[in-house]
N, C-alpha and C. Protein backbone atom coordinates (compact mmCIF):
# COMPACT_ATOMS: atom_id res chain seq x y z
N MET A 1 -4.02 -14.39 26.66
CA MET A 1 -3.70 -13.62 25.47
C MET A 1 -4.71 -12.49 25.31
N SER A 2 -4.24 -11.32 24.92
CA SER A 2 -5.12 -10.19 24.64
C SER A 2 -5.91 -10.45 23.38
N GLU A 3 -7.02 -9.76 23.26
CA GLU A 3 -7.88 -9.94 22.10
C GLU A 3 -7.30 -9.20 20.89
N LEU A 4 -7.30 -9.89 19.75
CA LEU A 4 -6.83 -9.29 18.51
C LEU A 4 -7.95 -8.50 17.85
N LYS A 5 -7.61 -7.33 17.33
CA LYS A 5 -8.59 -6.53 16.60
C LYS A 5 -8.82 -7.17 15.23
N PRO A 6 -10.00 -6.93 14.64
CA PRO A 6 -10.25 -7.46 13.30
C PRO A 6 -9.32 -6.81 12.28
N CYS A 7 -9.13 -7.47 11.18
CA CYS A 7 -8.26 -6.97 10.10
C CYS A 7 -8.87 -5.71 9.49
N LYS A 8 -8.07 -4.65 9.37
CA LYS A 8 -8.58 -3.40 8.81
C LYS A 8 -8.78 -3.49 7.30
N LYS A 9 -8.19 -4.49 6.66
CA LYS A 9 -8.32 -4.62 5.21
C LYS A 9 -9.61 -5.32 4.81
N CYS A 10 -10.04 -6.33 5.60
CA CYS A 10 -11.24 -7.09 5.22
C CYS A 10 -12.26 -7.22 6.34
N GLY A 11 -11.91 -6.84 7.57
CA GLY A 11 -12.82 -6.97 8.69
C GLY A 11 -12.85 -8.37 9.30
N GLY A 12 -12.03 -9.27 8.76
CA GLY A 12 -12.01 -10.65 9.25
C GLY A 12 -11.24 -10.82 10.55
N GLU A 13 -11.34 -12.03 11.09
CA GLU A 13 -10.65 -12.35 12.34
C GLU A 13 -9.16 -12.54 12.10
N ALA A 14 -8.39 -12.27 13.14
CA ALA A 14 -6.94 -12.43 13.08
C ALA A 14 -6.50 -13.47 14.10
N SER A 15 -5.29 -13.95 13.95
CA SER A 15 -4.75 -14.91 14.91
C SER A 15 -3.25 -14.71 15.03
N VAL A 16 -2.68 -15.35 16.03
CA VAL A 16 -1.24 -15.32 16.26
C VAL A 16 -0.71 -16.71 15.99
N ARG A 17 0.47 -16.79 15.40
CA ARG A 17 1.09 -18.09 15.18
C ARG A 17 2.57 -18.01 15.54
N PHE A 18 3.11 -19.15 15.89
CA PHE A 18 4.55 -19.25 16.14
C PHE A 18 5.19 -19.59 14.81
N ASP A 19 6.14 -18.77 14.39
CA ASP A 19 6.74 -18.92 13.08
C ASP A 19 8.09 -19.63 13.17
N TYR A 20 8.22 -20.68 12.40
CA TYR A 20 9.47 -21.44 12.33
C TYR A 20 9.46 -22.26 11.05
N GLY A 21 10.45 -23.10 10.85
CA GLY A 21 10.48 -23.96 9.67
C GLY A 21 11.03 -23.25 8.47
N ALA A 22 10.26 -23.17 7.38
CA ALA A 22 10.73 -22.61 6.12
C ALA A 22 11.02 -21.11 6.20
N ARG A 23 10.50 -20.45 7.21
CA ARG A 23 10.69 -19.02 7.33
C ARG A 23 11.74 -18.66 8.39
N LEU A 24 12.68 -19.50 8.60
CA LEU A 24 13.69 -19.23 9.61
C LEU A 24 14.54 -18.03 9.21
N LEU A 25 14.85 -17.24 10.16
CA LEU A 25 15.71 -16.09 9.96
C LEU A 25 17.00 -16.35 10.73
N PHE A 26 18.13 -16.29 10.03
CA PHE A 26 19.41 -16.59 10.67
C PHE A 26 20.11 -15.27 11.00
N THR A 27 20.44 -15.12 12.26
CA THR A 27 21.13 -13.93 12.72
C THR A 27 22.28 -14.38 13.60
N ASN A 28 23.49 -14.00 13.23
CA ASN A 28 24.69 -14.41 13.99
C ASN A 28 24.69 -15.91 14.25
N ARG A 29 24.32 -16.66 13.24
CA ARG A 29 24.31 -18.13 13.29
C ARG A 29 23.31 -18.69 14.29
N ARG A 30 22.43 -17.85 14.80
CA ARG A 30 21.39 -18.35 15.70
C ARG A 30 20.07 -18.33 14.93
N ILE A 31 19.26 -19.30 15.17
CA ILE A 31 17.95 -19.34 14.53
C ILE A 31 16.99 -18.52 15.38
N VAL A 32 16.33 -17.55 14.74
CA VAL A 32 15.38 -16.70 15.45
C VAL A 32 13.98 -17.16 15.08
N MET A 33 13.21 -17.49 16.07
CA MET A 33 11.81 -17.88 15.86
C MET A 33 10.96 -17.00 16.77
N GLY A 34 9.72 -16.86 16.43
CA GLY A 34 8.87 -16.03 17.28
C GLY A 34 7.44 -16.02 16.81
N TYR A 35 6.68 -15.12 17.40
CA TYR A 35 5.26 -15.00 17.15
C TYR A 35 4.98 -13.89 16.14
N ARG A 36 3.98 -14.16 15.28
CA ARG A 36 3.48 -13.18 14.31
C ARG A 36 1.96 -13.16 14.40
N ALA A 37 1.38 -12.04 14.00
CA ALA A 37 -0.08 -11.94 13.95
C ALA A 37 -0.50 -11.57 12.53
N GLY A 38 -1.70 -12.00 12.13
CA GLY A 38 -2.20 -11.67 10.81
C GLY A 38 -3.64 -12.12 10.63
N CYS A 39 -4.23 -11.73 9.51
CA CYS A 39 -5.60 -12.08 9.17
C CYS A 39 -5.70 -13.57 8.86
N ASN A 40 -6.83 -14.17 9.19
CA ASN A 40 -7.05 -15.59 8.93
C ASN A 40 -7.52 -15.89 7.51
N ASP A 41 -7.95 -14.86 6.77
CA ASP A 41 -8.51 -15.07 5.43
C ASP A 41 -7.38 -15.09 4.40
N PRO A 42 -7.11 -16.24 3.76
CA PRO A 42 -6.01 -16.31 2.78
C PRO A 42 -6.21 -15.43 1.55
N GLU A 43 -7.43 -14.95 1.31
CA GLU A 43 -7.70 -14.06 0.17
C GLU A 43 -7.40 -12.60 0.50
N CYS A 44 -7.14 -12.30 1.77
CA CYS A 44 -6.93 -10.93 2.24
C CYS A 44 -5.45 -10.57 2.19
N PRO A 45 -5.11 -9.33 1.77
CA PRO A 45 -3.70 -8.91 1.80
C PRO A 45 -3.12 -8.92 3.21
N GLY A 46 -3.96 -8.83 4.23
CA GLY A 46 -3.51 -8.89 5.62
C GLY A 46 -3.20 -10.29 6.09
N PHE A 47 -3.43 -11.28 5.21
CA PHE A 47 -3.19 -12.68 5.57
C PHE A 47 -1.71 -12.94 5.82
N ILE A 48 -0.86 -12.26 5.07
CA ILE A 48 0.57 -12.43 5.26
C ILE A 48 0.92 -11.86 6.63
N PHE A 49 1.52 -12.66 7.45
CA PHE A 49 1.81 -12.27 8.82
C PHE A 49 3.00 -11.30 8.81
N LYS A 50 2.69 -10.00 8.81
CA LYS A 50 3.70 -8.96 8.61
C LYS A 50 4.14 -8.27 9.89
N THR A 51 3.70 -8.70 11.04
CA THR A 51 4.01 -7.94 12.25
C THR A 51 5.44 -8.07 12.69
N GLY A 52 6.22 -8.90 12.05
CA GLY A 52 7.57 -9.15 12.51
C GLY A 52 7.58 -10.30 13.49
N LEU A 53 8.74 -10.69 13.91
CA LEU A 53 8.85 -11.77 14.88
C LEU A 53 9.00 -11.19 16.27
N TYR A 54 8.23 -11.72 17.20
CA TYR A 54 8.28 -11.27 18.59
C TYR A 54 8.52 -12.46 19.49
N GLY A 55 9.26 -12.23 20.55
CA GLY A 55 9.60 -13.29 21.48
C GLY A 55 8.43 -13.76 22.32
N HIS A 56 7.43 -12.91 22.45
CA HIS A 56 6.26 -13.25 23.26
C HIS A 56 4.99 -12.98 22.47
N GLU A 57 4.00 -13.81 22.70
CA GLU A 57 2.73 -13.70 21.98
C GLU A 57 2.09 -12.33 22.19
N HIS A 58 2.13 -11.81 23.41
CA HIS A 58 1.48 -10.53 23.68
C HIS A 58 2.12 -9.38 22.90
N GLU A 59 3.41 -9.50 22.55
CA GLU A 59 4.06 -8.46 21.75
C GLU A 59 3.54 -8.47 20.31
N ALA A 60 3.30 -9.66 19.77
CA ALA A 60 2.74 -9.77 18.42
C ALA A 60 1.32 -9.23 18.39
N VAL A 61 0.55 -9.50 19.44
CA VAL A 61 -0.83 -8.99 19.53
C VAL A 61 -0.80 -7.47 19.58
N LYS A 62 0.07 -6.90 20.38
CA LYS A 62 0.16 -5.45 20.50
C LYS A 62 0.52 -4.82 19.15
N ALA A 63 1.51 -5.39 18.45
CA ALA A 63 1.92 -4.86 17.15
C ALA A 63 0.77 -4.92 16.14
N TRP A 64 0.06 -6.05 16.10
CA TRP A 64 -1.08 -6.20 15.18
C TRP A 64 -2.15 -5.16 15.50
N ASN A 65 -2.51 -5.04 16.75
CA ASN A 65 -3.58 -4.12 17.14
C ASN A 65 -3.21 -2.67 16.83
N GLU A 66 -1.95 -2.30 17.03
CA GLU A 66 -1.52 -0.94 16.70
C GLU A 66 -1.59 -0.71 15.20
N GLU A 67 -1.23 -1.71 14.41
CA GLU A 67 -1.29 -1.59 12.96
C GLU A 67 -2.73 -1.40 12.50
N GLN A 68 -3.67 -2.06 13.16
CA GLN A 68 -5.08 -1.96 12.76
C GLN A 68 -5.66 -0.59 13.08
N GLU A 69 -5.06 0.11 14.03
CA GLU A 69 -5.54 1.44 14.41
C GLU A 69 -4.96 2.54 13.54
N ASN A 70 -3.85 2.27 12.87
CA ASN A 70 -3.19 3.30 12.07
C ASN A 70 -4.06 3.72 10.90
N THR A 71 -4.33 5.00 10.81
CA THR A 71 -5.04 5.57 9.67
C THR A 71 -4.30 6.82 9.23
N THR A 72 -4.55 7.23 8.02
CA THR A 72 -3.90 8.39 7.46
C THR A 72 -4.95 9.41 7.06
N ASP A 73 -4.79 10.64 7.52
CA ASP A 73 -5.68 11.74 7.16
C ASP A 73 -5.08 12.42 5.94
N VAL A 74 -5.81 12.46 4.83
CA VAL A 74 -5.28 13.03 3.59
C VAL A 74 -5.67 14.50 3.39
N ALA A 75 -6.40 15.07 4.33
CA ALA A 75 -6.86 16.46 4.19
C ALA A 75 -5.67 17.39 3.96
N GLY A 76 -5.74 18.17 2.88
CA GLY A 76 -4.71 19.14 2.55
C GLY A 76 -3.46 18.54 1.91
N MET A 77 -3.43 17.24 1.69
CA MET A 77 -2.24 16.59 1.14
C MET A 77 -2.32 16.45 -0.38
N ASN A 78 -1.14 16.38 -1.00
CA ASN A 78 -1.03 16.04 -2.42
C ASN A 78 -0.84 14.53 -2.47
N VAL A 79 -1.81 13.84 -3.06
CA VAL A 79 -1.85 12.37 -3.02
C VAL A 79 -1.57 11.80 -4.41
N PHE A 80 -0.69 10.81 -4.44
CA PHE A 80 -0.33 10.10 -5.66
C PHE A 80 -0.93 8.70 -5.56
N LEU A 81 -1.77 8.30 -6.50
CA LEU A 81 -2.38 6.97 -6.50
C LEU A 81 -1.48 6.00 -7.26
N SER A 82 -1.31 4.81 -6.70
CA SER A 82 -0.47 3.79 -7.33
C SER A 82 -1.18 2.45 -7.25
N GLY A 83 -1.17 1.72 -8.35
CA GLY A 83 -1.81 0.42 -8.35
C GLY A 83 -1.68 -0.25 -9.69
N PRO A 84 -2.26 -1.43 -9.82
CA PRO A 84 -2.14 -2.18 -11.07
C PRO A 84 -2.95 -1.56 -12.20
N MET A 85 -2.36 -1.53 -13.39
CA MET A 85 -3.06 -1.04 -14.58
C MET A 85 -2.86 -1.99 -15.75
N THR A 86 -1.60 -2.34 -16.02
CA THR A 86 -1.26 -3.16 -17.17
C THR A 86 -1.93 -4.52 -17.08
N GLY A 87 -2.59 -4.91 -18.15
CA GLY A 87 -3.23 -6.22 -18.21
C GLY A 87 -4.61 -6.28 -17.57
N ILE A 88 -5.09 -5.16 -17.04
CA ILE A 88 -6.42 -5.12 -16.42
C ILE A 88 -7.36 -4.39 -17.37
N GLU A 89 -8.54 -4.95 -17.54
CA GLU A 89 -9.53 -4.37 -18.45
C GLU A 89 -9.75 -2.90 -18.14
N GLY A 90 -9.69 -2.09 -19.19
CA GLY A 90 -9.89 -0.65 -19.03
C GLY A 90 -8.78 0.02 -18.24
N TRP A 91 -7.65 -0.65 -18.13
CA TRP A 91 -6.48 -0.14 -17.40
C TRP A 91 -6.83 0.18 -15.95
N ASN A 92 -7.84 -0.52 -15.41
CA ASN A 92 -8.24 -0.37 -14.01
C ASN A 92 -8.72 1.05 -13.70
N ARG A 93 -9.22 1.74 -14.71
CA ARG A 93 -9.65 3.14 -14.53
C ARG A 93 -10.73 3.29 -13.48
N GLU A 94 -11.66 2.35 -13.42
CA GLU A 94 -12.76 2.48 -12.45
C GLU A 94 -12.22 2.51 -11.01
N ALA A 95 -11.27 1.62 -10.70
CA ALA A 95 -10.70 1.59 -9.34
C ALA A 95 -9.95 2.89 -9.05
N PHE A 96 -9.19 3.39 -10.03
CA PHE A 96 -8.46 4.64 -9.83
C PHE A 96 -9.40 5.82 -9.68
N GLU A 97 -10.47 5.85 -10.47
CA GLU A 97 -11.43 6.95 -10.36
C GLU A 97 -12.16 6.92 -9.03
N ASP A 98 -12.51 5.72 -8.55
CA ASP A 98 -13.15 5.59 -7.23
C ASP A 98 -12.21 6.08 -6.13
N ALA A 99 -10.93 5.69 -6.24
CA ALA A 99 -9.95 6.12 -5.22
C ALA A 99 -9.74 7.63 -5.29
N GLU A 100 -9.67 8.18 -6.49
CA GLU A 100 -9.51 9.63 -6.63
C GLU A 100 -10.69 10.37 -6.00
N ARG A 101 -11.89 9.90 -6.28
CA ARG A 101 -13.09 10.51 -5.72
C ARG A 101 -13.05 10.46 -4.19
N ALA A 102 -12.65 9.30 -3.64
CA ALA A 102 -12.58 9.15 -2.18
C ALA A 102 -11.55 10.12 -1.59
N MET A 103 -10.41 10.29 -2.24
CA MET A 103 -9.38 11.20 -1.72
C MET A 103 -9.88 12.64 -1.73
N ARG A 104 -10.58 13.02 -2.80
CA ARG A 104 -11.12 14.38 -2.88
C ARG A 104 -12.19 14.61 -1.81
N GLU A 105 -13.04 13.61 -1.59
CA GLU A 105 -14.08 13.72 -0.55
C GLU A 105 -13.47 13.86 0.84
N LYS A 106 -12.27 13.31 1.03
CA LYS A 106 -11.59 13.36 2.32
C LYS A 106 -10.70 14.59 2.44
N GLY A 107 -10.75 15.47 1.44
CA GLY A 107 -10.08 16.75 1.55
C GLY A 107 -8.68 16.84 0.97
N ALA A 108 -8.26 15.88 0.14
CA ALA A 108 -6.93 15.96 -0.47
C ALA A 108 -6.85 17.22 -1.33
N ALA A 109 -5.72 17.92 -1.27
CA ALA A 109 -5.53 19.15 -2.04
C ALA A 109 -5.43 18.84 -3.53
N HIS A 110 -4.73 17.77 -3.86
CA HIS A 110 -4.54 17.37 -5.25
C HIS A 110 -4.37 15.85 -5.28
N VAL A 111 -4.89 15.23 -6.33
CA VAL A 111 -4.76 13.77 -6.48
C VAL A 111 -4.22 13.48 -7.87
N PHE A 112 -3.10 12.77 -7.93
CA PHE A 112 -2.56 12.32 -9.20
C PHE A 112 -3.15 10.95 -9.50
N ASN A 113 -3.88 10.86 -10.59
CA ASN A 113 -4.51 9.62 -11.03
C ASN A 113 -3.84 9.20 -12.33
N PRO A 114 -2.97 8.18 -12.30
CA PRO A 114 -2.26 7.80 -13.52
C PRO A 114 -3.18 7.31 -14.64
N ALA A 115 -4.37 6.86 -14.29
CA ALA A 115 -5.31 6.42 -15.32
C ALA A 115 -5.77 7.60 -16.17
N ARG A 116 -5.81 8.78 -15.58
CA ARG A 116 -6.20 9.97 -16.34
C ARG A 116 -5.09 10.43 -17.28
N THR A 117 -3.84 10.29 -16.84
CA THR A 117 -2.73 10.77 -17.67
C THR A 117 -2.48 9.88 -18.87
N SER A 118 -3.03 8.66 -18.86
CA SER A 118 -2.78 7.73 -19.96
C SER A 118 -3.96 7.63 -20.93
N GLU A 119 -5.00 8.42 -20.71
CA GLU A 119 -6.18 8.34 -21.58
C GLU A 119 -5.81 8.65 -23.02
N GLY A 120 -6.17 7.74 -23.91
CA GLY A 120 -6.00 7.95 -25.33
C GLY A 120 -4.63 7.64 -25.90
N VAL A 121 -3.65 7.35 -25.05
CA VAL A 121 -2.31 7.08 -25.57
C VAL A 121 -1.76 5.73 -25.14
N GLU A 122 -2.52 4.96 -24.34
CA GLU A 122 -1.95 3.74 -23.77
C GLU A 122 -1.52 2.70 -24.80
N ASP A 123 -2.13 2.69 -25.96
CA ASP A 123 -1.75 1.70 -26.98
C ASP A 123 -0.60 2.18 -27.86
N ASP A 124 -0.27 3.46 -27.77
CA ASP A 124 0.73 4.05 -28.65
C ASP A 124 2.14 4.07 -28.07
N TYR A 125 2.28 3.84 -26.77
CA TYR A 125 3.57 3.98 -26.12
C TYR A 125 3.88 2.75 -25.26
N PRO A 126 5.17 2.45 -25.07
CA PRO A 126 5.53 1.30 -24.23
C PRO A 126 5.33 1.61 -22.74
N HIS A 127 5.29 0.56 -21.94
CA HIS A 127 5.14 0.68 -20.49
C HIS A 127 6.19 1.61 -19.90
N SER A 128 7.42 1.54 -20.41
CA SER A 128 8.51 2.37 -19.88
C SER A 128 8.21 3.86 -20.02
N PHE A 129 7.49 4.25 -21.08
CA PHE A 129 7.10 5.65 -21.26
C PHE A 129 6.25 6.12 -20.10
N PHE A 130 5.27 5.32 -19.73
CA PHE A 130 4.37 5.69 -18.63
C PHE A 130 5.10 5.66 -17.29
N MET A 131 6.02 4.73 -17.13
CA MET A 131 6.79 4.68 -15.88
C MET A 131 7.63 5.95 -15.72
N ARG A 132 8.26 6.40 -16.79
CA ARG A 132 9.04 7.64 -16.70
C ARG A 132 8.14 8.81 -16.35
N ARG A 133 6.96 8.85 -16.94
CA ARG A 133 6.03 9.95 -16.65
C ARG A 133 5.57 9.91 -15.19
N THR A 134 5.21 8.74 -14.70
CA THR A 134 4.69 8.67 -13.33
C THR A 134 5.79 8.91 -12.29
N ILE A 135 6.98 8.39 -12.53
CA ILE A 135 8.08 8.61 -11.58
C ILE A 135 8.44 10.09 -11.55
N HIS A 136 8.46 10.73 -12.71
CA HIS A 136 8.72 12.18 -12.74
C HIS A 136 7.62 12.92 -11.98
N ALA A 137 6.38 12.57 -12.23
CA ALA A 137 5.27 13.23 -11.52
C ALA A 137 5.38 13.02 -10.01
N LEU A 138 5.72 11.81 -9.61
CA LEU A 138 5.83 11.49 -8.18
C LEU A 138 6.90 12.34 -7.50
N THR A 139 8.01 12.53 -8.15
CA THR A 139 9.13 13.22 -7.50
C THR A 139 9.20 14.71 -7.80
N HIS A 140 8.54 15.16 -8.89
CA HIS A 140 8.64 16.57 -9.27
C HIS A 140 7.29 17.28 -9.36
N GLY A 141 6.20 16.58 -9.21
CA GLY A 141 4.89 17.17 -9.44
C GLY A 141 4.45 16.85 -10.86
N ASP A 142 3.18 17.10 -11.14
CA ASP A 142 2.69 16.75 -12.48
C ASP A 142 2.65 17.98 -13.38
N ALA A 143 2.18 17.80 -14.60
CA ALA A 143 2.19 18.86 -15.60
C ALA A 143 1.30 20.03 -15.21
N GLY A 144 0.37 19.83 -14.28
CA GLY A 144 -0.51 20.90 -13.86
C GLY A 144 0.14 21.89 -12.91
N GLY A 145 1.42 21.69 -12.63
CA GLY A 145 2.13 22.62 -11.77
C GLY A 145 2.03 22.30 -10.29
N TRP A 146 1.43 21.16 -9.95
CA TRP A 146 1.31 20.79 -8.54
C TRP A 146 2.68 20.37 -8.01
N PRO A 147 2.91 20.62 -6.73
CA PRO A 147 4.20 20.23 -6.15
C PRO A 147 4.31 18.72 -6.01
N ALA A 148 5.50 18.28 -5.66
CA ALA A 148 5.72 16.85 -5.42
C ALA A 148 4.73 16.37 -4.35
N TYR A 149 4.57 15.10 -4.24
CA TYR A 149 3.51 14.51 -3.43
C TYR A 149 3.93 14.26 -1.98
N ASP A 150 2.94 14.39 -1.10
CA ASP A 150 3.11 14.14 0.33
C ASP A 150 2.90 12.68 0.65
N LEU A 151 2.06 12.02 -0.14
CA LEU A 151 1.60 10.68 0.20
C LEU A 151 1.32 9.87 -1.05
N LEU A 152 1.79 8.63 -1.06
CA LEU A 152 1.44 7.68 -2.12
C LEU A 152 0.44 6.71 -1.51
N VAL A 153 -0.71 6.55 -2.15
CA VAL A 153 -1.75 5.64 -1.69
C VAL A 153 -1.79 4.45 -2.63
N ARG A 154 -1.58 3.25 -2.07
CA ARG A 154 -1.57 2.00 -2.85
C ARG A 154 -2.98 1.45 -2.99
N LEU A 155 -3.39 1.17 -4.21
CA LEU A 155 -4.67 0.54 -4.46
C LEU A 155 -4.54 -0.97 -4.30
N PRO A 156 -5.65 -1.66 -4.03
CA PRO A 156 -5.59 -3.12 -3.91
C PRO A 156 -4.97 -3.75 -5.16
N GLY A 157 -4.13 -4.75 -4.94
CA GLY A 157 -3.47 -5.45 -6.02
C GLY A 157 -2.13 -4.85 -6.41
N TRP A 158 -1.70 -3.80 -5.73
CA TRP A 158 -0.45 -3.14 -6.09
C TRP A 158 0.74 -4.09 -6.04
N GLU A 159 0.68 -5.08 -5.15
CA GLU A 159 1.80 -6.00 -4.98
C GLU A 159 2.09 -6.78 -6.26
N ALA A 160 1.08 -7.00 -7.09
CA ALA A 160 1.24 -7.78 -8.32
C ALA A 160 1.65 -6.91 -9.52
N SER A 161 1.82 -5.62 -9.30
CA SER A 161 2.16 -4.70 -10.37
C SER A 161 3.62 -4.28 -10.27
N ASP A 162 4.40 -4.60 -11.31
CA ASP A 162 5.80 -4.18 -11.32
C ASP A 162 5.92 -2.66 -11.24
N GLY A 163 5.07 -1.96 -11.98
CA GLY A 163 5.11 -0.50 -11.97
C GLY A 163 4.79 0.08 -10.61
N ALA A 164 3.74 -0.42 -9.96
CA ALA A 164 3.37 0.08 -8.64
C ALA A 164 4.47 -0.21 -7.62
N GLN A 165 5.11 -1.37 -7.73
CA GLN A 165 6.20 -1.69 -6.81
C GLN A 165 7.35 -0.68 -6.97
N VAL A 166 7.65 -0.29 -8.20
CA VAL A 166 8.69 0.70 -8.44
C VAL A 166 8.28 2.04 -7.84
N GLU A 167 7.03 2.45 -8.07
CA GLU A 167 6.54 3.72 -7.53
C GLU A 167 6.63 3.74 -6.01
N VAL A 168 6.26 2.64 -5.37
CA VAL A 168 6.33 2.56 -3.90
C VAL A 168 7.78 2.67 -3.44
N ALA A 169 8.67 1.95 -4.10
CA ALA A 169 10.09 2.00 -3.72
C ALA A 169 10.66 3.40 -3.88
N VAL A 170 10.32 4.08 -4.98
CA VAL A 170 10.80 5.45 -5.21
C VAL A 170 10.23 6.39 -4.15
N ALA A 171 8.95 6.26 -3.86
CA ALA A 171 8.33 7.12 -2.85
C ALA A 171 9.04 6.96 -1.51
N LYS A 172 9.26 5.72 -1.09
CA LYS A 172 9.94 5.48 0.18
C LYS A 172 11.35 6.05 0.16
N ALA A 173 12.07 5.85 -0.94
CA ALA A 173 13.45 6.35 -1.05
C ALA A 173 13.50 7.87 -1.00
N CYS A 174 12.43 8.53 -1.47
CA CYS A 174 12.37 9.99 -1.49
C CYS A 174 11.72 10.58 -0.25
N GLY A 175 11.37 9.74 0.71
CA GLY A 175 10.77 10.23 1.94
C GLY A 175 9.30 10.58 1.83
N ILE A 176 8.64 10.07 0.80
CA ILE A 176 7.20 10.29 0.62
C ILE A 176 6.47 9.19 1.38
N ALA A 177 5.53 9.58 2.23
CA ALA A 177 4.78 8.60 3.02
C ALA A 177 4.00 7.68 2.10
N VAL A 178 3.80 6.44 2.55
CA VAL A 178 3.09 5.43 1.77
C VAL A 178 2.05 4.77 2.67
N CYS A 179 0.85 4.56 2.14
CA CYS A 179 -0.17 3.81 2.87
C CYS A 179 -1.07 3.10 1.88
N ASP A 180 -1.82 2.14 2.37
CA ASP A 180 -2.82 1.44 1.56
C ASP A 180 -4.10 2.27 1.55
N LEU A 181 -4.89 2.10 0.51
CA LEU A 181 -6.17 2.78 0.41
C LEU A 181 -7.03 2.49 1.64
N SER A 182 -6.96 1.26 2.14
CA SER A 182 -7.75 0.87 3.31
C SER A 182 -7.32 1.59 4.58
N GLU A 183 -6.13 2.20 4.57
CA GLU A 183 -5.62 2.89 5.76
C GLU A 183 -5.99 4.38 5.78
N VAL A 184 -6.59 4.89 4.71
CA VAL A 184 -6.97 6.28 4.66
C VAL A 184 -8.14 6.48 5.62
N GLU A 185 -8.02 7.52 6.43
CA GLU A 185 -9.02 7.81 7.45
C GLU A 185 -10.40 7.91 6.84
N ARG A 186 -11.33 7.21 7.46
CA ARG A 186 -12.70 7.20 6.95
C ARG A 186 -13.47 8.40 7.39
């Protein structure tokens, strides 16, 4: 077996497993089983074996290793930040501000930070108000006159946020590239 690269999300070791049992996929009445690769750390988002099912172990290793090499260069791009806010102390502003700073340092032309657009009004309006604002900004540009976005960058924990999941789905449906913060070129 080829050597697996470390997980790009946490730096931990990865492994390959044969997937069957509760995760069976039925296609044309045949049971499809195969190999998947993923991070060994259950606390890591890379722990979920996302490489797909492969008939041979070396194919799963190749897919994992290619995924670990993928990075996104944000230089010159209009970047939309997406992540959890509701129910997090301070509306997760610190994480959004850190991500915004990182995108600017990497040369992003413009960064939409939803934590900035909600300053001072978050207690006065329902969640749906902010969702309408962010979806409009994502697809049409924000109030500052910036064009629609080239890239949506997901902050850690986005999977647990209903709003971030909607933003990701809309971005994908509109042909806007999506990546995790950990995938942005260092």
